[in-house]
Amino acid sequence: MSPRSLVRRTVAAVAGTAVVAGGLMAVAPAPSAHADSVAPNAAANWLVGELDATGLLHGDVAKTIDFALALKEIGGHQATLAKIASGVDGKLDAYAVDGVSYAQASLFYRAVGVDPATKAGNLVTKLEGAVDDTSGEMVYPWGGAWSQALAVRALDAANSTETDDATDSLIDDFECPSGGWGYWDGAHTSCTADPDNTADMLFALLPQKGKSAKIDDAIARGISWLKAAQKADGSFEAYEVNASSTGLAGQALARAGAAPEAERAALWLRGRQVAGSSCDGKLAAEGGAVGFSDQVVAEGRTDGIDPAAPGTGYDWYLATAQSIVALKAAPIGGPLAVTPLFVHVSSTVNVAATGLAVAENACLTIGATSTPLRGGATTATSFVAPVSAQAYPVTLVAPGRSFTASLKALDATKLKIKVATKIKAKKKATIKVKGLAAGEPVTVKVGKKTATGTANAKGVAKVKVKVKKKGKAKVKVVGAFPDRKGKATTRVR
């Protein structure tokens, strides 16, 4: 695995905390009518399965808070939030030891409806005490715009008198001379801007939009910087292209109303979300998870996900948590289906998946053969039918949803028709067809009138036809293929 040199990752490893995901108490635009709920909930449900008995992501309070705030943002999951709250309560005293953790915990408790002033000896006053009274900066050894933004969010949510000074510090002290928000080196001579820090700044300032021209101008500069930093494929880079940066930046852009850019980020994230299928190797049981990078996903398919392995918390848990809300910006797919479900023996056909959303990963399995698919790209596979009639189980699996059916290879046959010897003109007559396969379509023609139907589980179809012309009439039926047919006669009177 390539080394993870992101500064924010290093901070978390050294300080014992992780950077909180975006979307903390910020004001979001009205949800789009095309907003996806399947992919975000698939990611959320995967992380629910990773919670330990105490309600934490394998004991990690900070990453669990990231996850909880994402759950709050997408709605629902109340039982899970209650479980997480219990887990955070159990470790709060050991966890809340500095400005970053005071801010994270304060935002978490407020999100779950608990006054943070009632926790850990008053998280709000402790956070206020961590903010310099003169500069407004929250002093933190490995800090940057991300840590200052955390303080601003939590202080603003508490209506603290420290909010204005902290906000001024975020704008004045953490914007890099070359643009974007980031962090300074130890000598304060070099500033590195990245999508994560810039997104965090926007999460802090967007709730204050309209409060002052200074705030509004900073928001505009941050949005412009993110738009310029976005890659052609929709991703964002912080030392390497990754899901965490793309998730944070995509969510910030969505909140700022930059819908096209937010959608592009969401589509990139969707392409790194595991379907959870036989196509995914050792990730077959990890449907909904979002991998940090293409390399991480590829390694996961080979090696699986080990909760105890170094990097797993960032490569999978944090990456998924920070992608959940951003995935909402992707356009939705339709109902999953596979077509055709009837093929002729000794034929070769393309079997296609329908309903896949753009960039949605999927796996189509016919019998024992699985093929990876992706919405908007590869959505079909070639199938060679056997020489004799046979049925194959078919499954189409995508993150958070699936479709099952049976693909039937059919041979020529003579269909049986049951029709009255005399039927009334201008009245519907029922034509009964036997010998079909279950679900097989059938076309019935009486004279010049045509109607269609579908066979039931017993291979019988009942089709109603209304004939106007009186006299002797031929009845012809055809199943899924021309050589599956039958005929009879009747008299229309």
Protein backbone atom coordinates (compact mmCIF):
# COMPACT_ATOMS: atom_id res chain seq x y z
CA MET A 1 0.00 0.00 0.00
CA SER A 2 1.32 3.45 -0.85
CA PRO A 3 2.19 5.67 2.14
CA ARG A 4 -0.54 8.03 3.28
CA SER A 5 1.25 11.32 3.78
CA LEU A 6 -1.76 13.58 4.00
CA VAL A 7 -1.14 16.10 6.74
CA ARG A 8 -4.62 15.62 8.19
CA ARG A 9 -3.97 11.89 8.47
CA THR A 10 -0.68 12.56 10.23
CA VAL A 11 -2.42 14.91 12.63
CA ALA A 12 -4.97 12.25 13.47
CA ALA A 13 -2.32 9.62 14.07
CA VAL A 14 -0.25 11.87 16.31
CA ALA A 15 -3.03 13.62 18.17
CA GLY A 16 -5.36 10.66 18.51
CA THR A 17 -8.18 12.48 16.75
CA ALA A 18 -9.58 12.48 13.26
CA VAL A 19 -10.87 15.27 11.13
CA VAL A 20 -14.62 15.56 11.29
CA ALA A 21 -16.52 15.14 8.07
CA GLY A 22 -18.17 18.03 6.33
CA GLY A 23 -21.78 18.93 6.73
CA LEU A 24 -21.64 19.88 10.37
CA MET A 25 -24.56 22.11 11.15
CA ALA A 26 -24.24 23.96 7.85
CA VAL A 27 -27.27 25.26 6.01
CA ALA A 28 -27.99 23.10 2.99
CA PRO A 29 -29.98 24.01 -0.11
CA ALA A 30 -33.28 22.27 -0.72
CA PRO A 31 -32.70 18.67 -1.86
CA SER A 32 -32.83 18.11 -5.59
CA ALA A 33 -35.67 16.05 -6.99
CA HIS A 34 -33.06 13.78 -8.60
CA ALA A 35 -30.93 13.38 -5.46
CA ASP A 36 -29.78 9.84 -4.81
CA SER A 37 -30.69 8.19 -1.52
CA VAL A 38 -29.64 4.64 -2.37
CA ALA A 39 -25.87 5.15 -2.53
CA PRO A 40 -25.65 7.27 0.67
CA ASN A 41 -27.73 4.78 2.63
CA ALA A 42 -25.77 1.83 1.25
CA ALA A 43 -22.59 3.49 2.54
CA ALA A 44 -24.26 4.28 5.86
CA ASN A 45 -25.57 0.75 6.29
CA TRP A 46 -22.13 -0.69 5.66
CA LEU A 47 -20.67 1.44 8.44
CA VAL A 48 -23.54 0.47 10.74
CA GLY A 49 -22.32 -3.08 10.35
CA GLU A 50 -18.81 -2.01 11.38
CA LEU A 51 -19.87 -0.57 14.75
CA ASP A 52 -18.59 -2.56 17.69
CA ALA A 53 -20.63 -3.62 20.71
CA THR A 54 -20.08 -0.23 22.36
CA GLY A 55 -21.45 1.70 19.38
CA LEU A 56 -18.10 2.92 18.02
CA LEU A 57 -16.19 2.21 14.83
CA HIS A 58 -13.78 -0.26 16.39
CA GLY A 59 -13.22 2.03 19.37
CA ASP A 60 -12.45 5.20 17.38
CA VAL A 61 -14.52 8.09 18.76
CA ALA A 62 -13.53 10.68 16.17
CA LYS A 63 -14.32 8.58 13.11
CA THR A 64 -17.56 7.50 14.74
CA ILE A 65 -18.51 11.16 15.15
CA ASP A 66 -17.82 11.70 11.45
CA PHE A 67 -20.18 8.85 10.70
CA ALA A 68 -22.87 10.02 13.12
CA LEU A 69 -22.93 13.53 11.66
CA ALA A 70 -23.33 12.06 8.17
CA LEU A 71 -26.23 9.91 9.42
CA LYS A 72 -27.88 12.98 10.87
CA GLU A 73 -27.49 14.76 7.54
CA ILE A 74 -29.13 12.07 5.40
CA GLY A 75 -31.94 11.44 7.91
CA GLY A 76 -33.27 8.36 9.62
CA HIS A 77 -31.00 5.90 11.44
CA GLN A 78 -32.25 7.09 14.84
CA ALA A 79 -31.54 3.79 16.58
CA THR A 80 -27.97 3.83 15.30
CA LEU A 81 -27.46 7.43 16.46
CA ALA A 82 -28.69 6.46 19.92
CA LYS A 83 -26.24 3.55 20.00
CA ILE A 84 -23.39 5.81 18.91
CA ALA A 85 -24.31 8.41 21.55
CA SER A 86 -23.99 5.75 24.21
CA GLY A 87 -20.58 4.77 22.88
CA VAL A 88 -19.32 8.36 22.78
CA ASP A 89 -20.61 8.92 26.32
CA GLY A 90 -18.53 6.01 27.52
CA LYS A 91 -15.27 7.44 26.19
CA LEU A 92 -15.95 11.17 26.36
CA ASP A 93 -13.76 12.03 29.33
CA ALA A 94 -10.73 10.33 27.78
CA TYR A 95 -11.50 11.74 24.34
CA ALA A 96 -12.30 15.41 25.00
CA VAL A 97 -8.87 16.76 25.91
CA ASP A 98 -8.18 19.64 23.49
CA GLY A 99 -9.83 22.25 21.28
CA VAL A 100 -10.39 19.93 18.33
CA SER A 101 -12.05 17.23 20.41
CA TYR A 102 -14.10 19.81 22.35
CA ALA A 103 -15.41 21.14 19.03
CA GLN A 104 -16.05 17.70 17.53
CA ALA A 105 -17.88 16.45 20.61
CA SER A 106 -19.85 19.67 20.91
CA LEU A 107 -21.07 19.41 17.32
CA PHE A 108 -21.93 15.76 17.80
CA TYR A 109 -24.02 16.26 20.93
CA ARG A 110 -25.85 19.18 19.41
CA ALA A 111 -26.64 17.07 16.35
CA VAL A 112 -28.21 14.33 18.49
CA GLY A 113 -30.22 16.81 20.52
CA VAL A 114 -28.06 17.04 23.64
CA ASP A 115 -26.79 20.35 25.02
CA PRO A 116 -22.97 20.12 24.90
CA ALA A 117 -22.79 22.43 27.89
CA THR A 118 -24.02 19.49 29.95
CA LYS A 119 -21.20 17.20 28.85
CA ALA A 120 -17.60 16.80 30.08
CA GLY A 121 -17.82 19.76 32.42
CA ASN A 122 -19.27 22.03 29.69
CA LEU A 123 -17.74 21.43 26.26
CA VAL A 124 -18.71 24.93 25.13
CA THR A 125 -16.80 26.78 27.84
CA LYS A 126 -13.84 24.46 27.38
CA LEU A 127 -13.80 25.24 23.66
CA GLU A 128 -14.06 28.96 24.36
CA GLY A 129 -11.10 28.60 26.68
CA ALA A 130 -9.08 27.02 23.86
CA VAL A 131 -9.61 30.08 21.65
CA ASP A 132 -7.11 32.91 22.05
CA ASP A 133 -8.90 35.99 23.37
CA THR A 134 -6.76 38.33 21.28
CA SER A 135 -6.30 36.57 17.93
CA GLY A 136 -9.43 34.43 17.90
CA GLU A 137 -7.34 31.44 16.85
CA MET A 138 -7.91 28.05 18.43
CA VAL A 139 -4.38 27.02 19.29
CA TYR A 140 -3.67 23.48 18.14
CA PRO A 141 -0.21 21.95 17.53
CA TRP A 142 -1.02 20.48 14.12
CA GLY A 143 -3.78 22.87 13.20
CA GLY A 144 -4.90 24.51 10.02
CA ALA A 145 -8.06 25.83 8.48
CA TRP A 146 -9.75 22.52 9.31
CA SER A 147 -9.19 22.85 13.06
CA GLN A 148 -10.09 26.54 13.12
CA ALA A 149 -13.22 25.77 11.09
CA LEU A 150 -14.25 23.16 13.65
CA ALA A 151 -14.03 25.80 16.36
CA VAL A 152 -16.04 28.29 14.32
CA ARG A 153 -18.81 25.76 13.63
CA ALA A 154 -19.14 24.72 17.24
CA LEU A 155 -18.95 28.28 18.59
CA ASP A 156 -21.46 29.56 16.04
CA ALA A 157 -23.87 26.72 16.87
CA ALA A 158 -23.58 27.68 20.55
CA ASN A 159 -24.14 31.41 19.83
CA SER A 160 -20.83 32.05 21.57
CA THR A 161 -19.42 35.57 21.85
CA GLU A 162 -16.13 34.09 20.62
CA THR A 163 -17.61 33.31 17.19
CA ASP A 164 -16.78 36.56 15.43
CA ASP A 165 -13.13 36.62 16.45
CA ALA A 166 -12.71 32.95 15.57
CA THR A 167 -14.34 33.57 12.19
CA ASP A 168 -12.04 36.50 11.47
CA SER A 169 -9.05 34.30 12.29
CA LEU A 170 -10.28 31.57 9.94
CA ILE A 171 -10.57 34.07 7.09
CA ASP A 172 -7.47 36.14 7.79
CA ASP A 173 -4.96 33.58 9.08
CA PHE A 174 -5.62 30.42 7.10
CA GLU A 175 -6.16 31.55 3.52
CA CYS A 176 -3.02 30.81 1.56
CA PRO A 177 -1.49 33.67 -0.45
CA SER A 178 -1.91 31.62 -3.63
CA GLY A 179 -5.59 30.96 -2.86
CA GLY A 180 -7.56 28.33 -1.02
CA TRP A 181 -7.48 27.50 2.66
CA GLY A 182 -4.94 25.23 4.30
CA TYR A 183 -2.14 25.12 6.84
CA TRP A 184 1.22 26.80 7.41
CA ASP A 185 4.55 25.12 8.02
CA GLY A 186 6.19 25.40 11.43
CA ALA A 187 8.09 28.56 10.48
CA HIS A 188 4.93 30.11 9.06
CA THR A 189 6.70 30.73 5.75
CA SER A 190 4.86 28.29 3.48
CA CYS A 191 1.11 27.71 3.20
CA THR A 192 -0.40 24.61 1.61
CA ALA A 193 -4.00 24.82 0.46
CA ASP A 194 -6.09 21.72 -0.20
CA PRO A 195 -9.70 20.78 -0.90
CA ASP A 196 -10.26 19.38 2.61
CA ASN A 197 -9.31 22.57 4.44
CA THR A 198 -11.13 24.76 1.93
CA ALA A 199 -14.28 22.66 2.24
CA ASP A 200 -14.06 22.84 6.04
CA MET A 201 -13.84 26.62 5.78
CA LEU A 202 -17.02 26.67 3.71
CA PHE A 203 -18.84 24.46 6.20
CA ALA A 204 -17.97 27.01 8.87
CA LEU A 205 -18.85 30.14 6.90
CA LEU A 206 -21.91 29.09 4.88
CA PRO A 207 -24.19 29.20 7.96
CA GLN A 208 -23.02 32.80 8.43
CA LYS A 209 -23.61 33.84 4.83
CA GLY A 210 -25.06 37.33 4.62
CA LYS A 211 -23.65 38.33 8.01
CA SER A 212 -20.91 40.50 6.48
CA ALA A 213 -19.28 41.29 3.15
CA LYS A 214 -16.04 39.83 4.50
CA ILE A 215 -17.67 36.45 5.10
CA ASP A 216 -19.50 36.47 1.78
CA ASP A 217 -16.33 37.34 -0.13
CA ALA A 218 -14.43 34.52 1.60
CA ILE A 219 -17.18 32.08 0.69
CA ALA A 220 -17.03 33.18 -2.95
CA ARG A 221 -13.24 32.77 -3.03
CA GLY A 222 -13.48 29.32 -1.49
CA ILE A 223 -16.07 28.14 -4.00
CA SER A 224 -14.01 29.47 -6.91
CA TRP A 225 -10.89 27.76 -5.61
CA LEU A 226 -12.65 24.40 -5.27
CA LYS A 227 -14.11 24.66 -8.76
CA ALA A 228 -10.67 25.34 -10.17
CA ALA A 229 -9.12 22.49 -8.16
CA GLN A 230 -11.60 19.87 -9.33
CA LYS A 231 -10.18 17.42 -11.84
CA ALA A 232 -11.81 16.59 -15.15
CA ASP A 233 -13.13 13.28 -13.78
CA GLY A 234 -14.79 15.06 -10.83
CA SER A 235 -12.25 14.05 -8.17
CA PHE A 236 -10.12 16.15 -5.82
CA GLU A 237 -6.54 15.65 -4.76
CA ALA A 238 -4.73 16.15 -1.47
CA TYR A 239 -1.32 14.59 -2.10
CA GLU A 240 -3.22 11.99 -4.12
CA VAL A 241 -6.68 11.71 -5.61
CA ASN A 242 -8.91 10.30 -2.90
CA ALA A 243 -12.47 9.79 -1.71
CA SER A 244 -12.16 11.76 1.53
CA SER A 245 -11.08 14.97 -0.21
CA THR A 246 -13.61 14.43 -3.00
CA GLY A 247 -16.39 13.75 -0.50
CA LEU A 248 -15.70 16.88 1.55
CA ALA A 249 -15.26 19.13 -1.48
CA GLY A 250 -18.30 17.69 -3.24
CA GLN A 251 -20.49 18.25 -0.21
CA ALA A 252 -19.23 21.81 0.20
CA LEU A 253 -19.98 22.56 -3.45
CA ALA A 254 -23.47 21.10 -3.09
CA ARG A 255 -24.15 23.27 -0.06
CA ALA A 256 -22.91 26.30 -1.93
CA GLY A 257 -25.31 25.59 -4.80
CA ALA A 258 -22.64 24.48 -7.30
CA ALA A 259 -24.75 21.55 -8.46
CA PRO A 260 -22.83 20.53 -11.63
CA GLU A 261 -19.52 20.31 -9.79
CA ALA A 262 -21.12 18.53 -6.84
CA GLU A 263 -22.64 15.96 -9.17
CA ARG A 264 -19.31 15.29 -10.86
CA ALA A 265 -17.72 14.66 -7.47
CA ALA A 266 -20.57 12.35 -6.49
CA LEU A 267 -20.20 10.34 -9.69
CA TRP A 268 -16.49 9.85 -9.03
CA LEU A 269 -17.29 8.64 -5.51
CA ARG A 270 -19.95 6.30 -6.84
CA GLY A 271 -17.30 4.67 -9.00
CA ARG A 272 -15.32 3.77 -5.84
CA GLN A 273 -18.31 2.33 -4.00
CA VAL A 274 -18.32 -1.44 -3.65
CA ALA A 275 -21.32 -3.28 -5.07
CA GLY A 276 -20.85 -6.19 -2.68
CA SER A 277 -20.99 -9.11 -5.09
CA SER A 278 -19.15 -12.05 -6.54
CA CYS A 279 -17.34 -9.58 -8.83
CA ASP A 280 -15.69 -7.96 -5.79
CA GLY A 281 -13.48 -10.79 -4.60
CA LYS A 282 -12.86 -10.46 -0.86
CA LEU A 283 -15.07 -7.35 -0.78
CA ALA A 284 -18.13 -9.46 -1.65
CA ALA A 285 -19.60 -8.84 1.82
CA GLU A 286 -18.69 -5.13 1.92
CA GLY A 287 -21.44 -3.69 -0.26
CA GLY A 288 -21.79 0.10 0.12
CA ALA A 289 -18.24 0.75 1.36
CA VAL A 290 -16.29 3.52 -0.37
CA GLY A 291 -12.56 2.99 -0.82
CA PHE A 292 -10.09 5.84 -0.36
CA SER A 293 -8.62 5.36 -3.85
CA ASP A 294 -8.60 3.03 -6.82
CA GLN A 295 -5.55 1.32 -5.34
CA VAL A 296 -7.30 0.78 -2.01
CA VAL A 297 -10.33 -0.76 -3.73
CA ALA A 298 -8.13 -3.04 -5.84
CA GLU A 299 -6.18 -4.15 -2.77
CA GLY A 300 -9.44 -4.75 -0.92
CA ARG A 301 -10.69 -7.08 -3.62
CA THR A 302 -7.52 -9.11 -3.19
CA ASP A 303 -6.94 -8.88 0.56
CA GLY A 304 -10.29 -7.89 2.07
CA ILE A 305 -10.73 -5.33 4.87
CA ASP A 306 -8.97 -5.99 8.16
CA PRO A 307 -10.28 -3.66 10.89
CA ALA A 308 -7.03 -4.07 12.81
CA ALA A 309 -4.74 -3.27 9.88
CA PRO A 310 -2.94 0.10 9.83
CA GLY A 311 -4.71 2.46 7.46
CA THR A 312 -8.08 0.70 7.46
CA GLY A 313 -9.68 3.47 9.49
CA TYR A 314 -8.71 6.04 6.86
CA ASP A 315 -8.86 3.88 3.74
CA TRP A 316 -12.39 2.61 4.41
CA TYR A 317 -14.14 3.97 7.52
CA LEU A 318 -13.27 7.65 7.17
CA ALA A 319 -13.41 7.57 3.37
CA THR A 320 -16.92 6.10 3.52
CA ALA A 321 -18.12 8.45 6.26
CA GLN A 322 -16.86 11.50 4.37
CA SER A 323 -18.50 10.32 1.14
CA ILE A 324 -22.01 9.64 2.45
CA VAL A 325 -23.50 13.11 2.15
CA ALA A 326 -21.66 13.98 -1.07
CA LEU A 327 -23.16 10.90 -2.77
CA LYS A 328 -26.58 12.53 -2.51
CA ALA A 329 -25.66 14.82 -5.41
CA ALA A 330 -25.51 11.96 -7.94
CA PRO A 331 -28.49 11.38 -10.24
CA ILE A 332 -30.67 8.43 -9.34
CA GLY A 333 -31.01 5.25 -11.36
CA GLY A 334 -34.15 3.39 -12.31
CA PRO A 335 -35.52 0.04 -11.15
CA LEU A 336 -32.96 -2.70 -11.77
CA ALA A 337 -33.79 -5.27 -14.39
CA VAL A 338 -32.11 -7.65 -16.83
CA THR A 339 -33.12 -8.17 -20.45
CA PRO A 340 -33.73 -10.45 -22.24
CA LEU A 341 -34.78 -13.21 -19.86
CA PHE A 342 -35.62 -15.58 -22.72
CA VAL A 343 -33.07 -16.72 -25.26
CA HIS A 344 -33.24 -19.33 -27.98
CA VAL A 345 -31.17 -22.45 -27.62
CA SER A 346 -27.88 -22.44 -29.54
CA SER A 347 -27.87 -18.64 -29.83
CA THR A 348 -25.51 -15.92 -28.64
CA VAL A 349 -27.10 -12.78 -27.22
CA ASN A 350 -26.16 -9.68 -25.27
CA VAL A 351 -27.78 -9.72 -21.83
CA ALA A 352 -28.09 -6.16 -20.54
CA ALA A 353 -28.68 -4.58 -17.17
CA THR A 354 -31.13 -1.70 -17.09
CA GLY A 355 -31.78 0.88 -14.40
CA LEU A 356 -28.15 1.37 -13.36
CA ALA A 357 -27.34 4.93 -12.34
CA VAL A 358 -24.44 6.68 -14.05
CA ALA A 359 -21.11 5.40 -12.65
CA GLU A 360 -22.88 2.88 -10.39
CA ASN A 361 -20.85 -0.30 -9.95
CA ALA A 362 -22.74 -3.56 -10.42
CA CYS A 363 -22.25 -7.26 -10.99
CA LEU A 364 -24.34 -9.39 -13.34
CA THR A 365 -24.24 -13.11 -12.61
CA ILE A 366 -25.79 -15.65 -14.98
CA GLY A 367 -25.47 -19.16 -13.62
CA ALA A 368 -21.89 -19.39 -12.36
CA THR A 369 -20.48 -16.58 -14.52
CA SER A 370 -20.16 -13.05 -13.11
CA THR A 371 -19.41 -9.87 -15.05
CA PRO A 372 -18.62 -6.46 -13.51
CA LEU A 373 -20.70 -3.63 -14.96
CA ARG A 374 -20.83 0.14 -14.53
CA GLY A 375 -23.77 2.40 -15.28
CA GLY A 376 -23.18 4.63 -18.28
CA ALA A 377 -20.33 2.43 -19.48
CA THR A 378 -20.36 -1.38 -19.63
CA THR A 379 -23.92 -2.53 -18.99
CA ALA A 380 -24.14 -5.83 -20.92
CA THR A 381 -22.44 -9.17 -21.30
CA SER A 382 -22.48 -11.82 -24.01
CA PHE A 383 -24.28 -15.07 -23.24
CA VAL A 384 -24.01 -18.30 -25.24
CA ALA A 385 -27.15 -20.39 -24.84
CA PRO A 386 -26.91 -24.18 -24.56
CA VAL A 387 -28.15 -26.55 -27.21
CA SER A 388 -31.04 -27.73 -25.07
CA ALA A 389 -33.67 -25.93 -22.98
CA GLN A 390 -32.35 -24.86 -19.60
CA ALA A 391 -32.87 -22.18 -16.92
CA TYR A 392 -30.14 -20.13 -15.24
CA PRO A 393 -30.41 -18.03 -12.06
CA VAL A 394 -29.70 -14.36 -12.75
CA THR A 395 -28.66 -11.76 -10.18
CA LEU A 396 -27.82 -8.10 -10.67
CA VAL A 397 -26.19 -6.54 -7.62
CA ALA A 398 -25.43 -2.84 -7.09
CA PRO A 399 -24.70 -0.91 -3.88
CA GLY A 400 -27.77 -1.16 -1.68
CA ARG A 401 -30.02 -2.92 -4.19
CA SER A 402 -30.35 -6.02 -6.32
CA PHE A 403 -32.50 -7.84 -8.88
CA THR A 404 -33.02 -11.59 -9.22
CA ALA A 405 -34.67 -13.56 -11.99
CA SER A 406 -34.27 -16.63 -14.15
CA LEU A 407 -32.90 -16.64 -17.69
CA LYS A 408 -34.47 -19.39 -19.76
CA ALA A 409 -33.06 -20.95 -22.91
CA LEU A 410 -36.08 -22.10 -24.95
CA ASP A 411 -36.39 -24.55 -27.82
CA ALA A 412 -39.01 -24.85 -30.55
CA THR A 413 -42.37 -26.17 -29.38
CA LYS A 414 -45.99 -26.46 -30.41
CA LEU A 415 -48.19 -24.36 -28.15
CA LYS A 416 -51.64 -25.57 -27.22
CA ILE A 417 -54.62 -23.27 -27.70
CA LYS A 418 -57.98 -23.45 -25.99
CA VAL A 419 -60.64 -21.28 -27.62
CA ALA A 420 -64.41 -21.55 -27.83
CA THR A 421 -65.73 -22.90 -31.14
CA LYS A 422 -67.91 -19.79 -31.35
CA ILE A 423 -67.15 -16.31 -29.99
CA LYS A 424 -69.26 -13.15 -30.07
CA ALA A 425 -68.30 -10.26 -32.33
CA LYS A 426 -67.38 -6.99 -30.60
CA LYS A 427 -67.04 -8.83 -27.28
CA LYS A 428 -63.85 -9.85 -25.60
CA ALA A 429 -63.07 -13.53 -25.93
CA THR A 430 -60.52 -15.34 -23.78
CA ILE A 431 -57.84 -17.36 -25.57
CA LYS A 432 -55.99 -19.81 -23.33
CA VAL A 433 -52.42 -20.78 -24.32
CA LYS A 434 -50.55 -23.67 -22.72
CA GLY A 435 -46.98 -24.95 -23.06
CA LEU A 436 -45.26 -21.62 -22.45
CA ALA A 437 -42.41 -21.03 -20.03
CA ALA A 438 -43.26 -19.16 -16.85
CA GLY A 439 -43.22 -15.45 -17.60
CA GLU A 440 -42.92 -15.99 -21.35
CA PRO A 441 -44.59 -13.33 -23.50
CA VAL A 442 -47.15 -14.51 -26.02
CA THR A 443 -48.86 -12.84 -28.95
CA VAL A 444 -52.35 -13.94 -29.91
CA LYS A 445 -53.89 -13.11 -33.29
CA VAL A 446 -57.57 -13.77 -34.09
CA GLY A 447 -58.27 -12.82 -37.65
CA LYS A 448 -56.66 -9.41 -37.95
CA LYS A 449 -56.90 -8.53 -34.26
CA THR A 450 -53.80 -8.95 -32.06
CA ALA A 451 -53.33 -8.97 -28.30
CA THR A 452 -50.48 -9.90 -26.00
CA GLY A 453 -50.10 -11.58 -22.64
CA THR A 454 -47.70 -13.26 -20.25
CA ALA A 455 -47.63 -16.83 -19.01
CA ASN A 456 -48.22 -17.50 -15.34
CA ALA A 457 -46.02 -19.70 -13.15
CA LYS A 458 -47.61 -22.80 -14.70
CA GLY A 459 -46.83 -21.68 -18.24
CA VAL A 460 -50.42 -20.73 -19.05
CA ALA A 461 -51.50 -17.39 -20.53
CA LYS A 462 -55.05 -16.10 -20.80
CA VAL A 463 -55.38 -13.37 -23.40
CA LYS A 464 -58.51 -11.41 -24.19
CA VAL A 465 -59.21 -10.40 -27.79
CA LYS A 466 -62.09 -8.39 -29.24
CA VAL A 467 -62.97 -9.30 -32.87
CA LYS A 468 -65.38 -7.30 -34.99
CA LYS A 469 -65.55 -9.19 -38.29
CA LYS A 470 -67.93 -12.15 -38.29
CA GLY A 471 -67.19 -15.52 -39.83
CA LYS A 472 -64.56 -18.18 -39.59
CA ALA A 473 -61.31 -16.90 -38.03
CA LYS A 474 -57.83 -18.35 -37.64
CA VAL A 475 -56.26 -18.20 -34.20
CA LYS A 476 -52.45 -18.01 -34.19
CA VAL A 477 -50.21 -17.74 -31.16
CA VAL A 478 -46.45 -17.08 -30.96
CA GLY A 479 -44.29 -17.23 -27.85
CA ALA A 480 -40.93 -15.59 -27.29
CA PHE A 481 -39.60 -16.93 -30.60
CA PRO A 482 -41.21 -17.66 -34.00
CA ASP A 483 -40.74 -21.41 -33.66
CA ARG A 484 -42.73 -21.50 -30.42
CA LYS A 485 -46.19 -21.34 -31.91
CA GLY A 486 -49.63 -22.87 -32.24
CA LYS A 487 -52.83 -22.43 -34.22
CA ALA A 488 -56.56 -23.13 -34.08
CA THR A 489 -59.84 -21.90 -35.58
CA THR A 490 -63.04 -20.39 -34.25
CA ARG A 491 -66.17 -18.73 -35.60
CA VAL A 492 -67.10 -15.15 -34.83
CA ARG A 493 -70.86 -14.59 -34.74
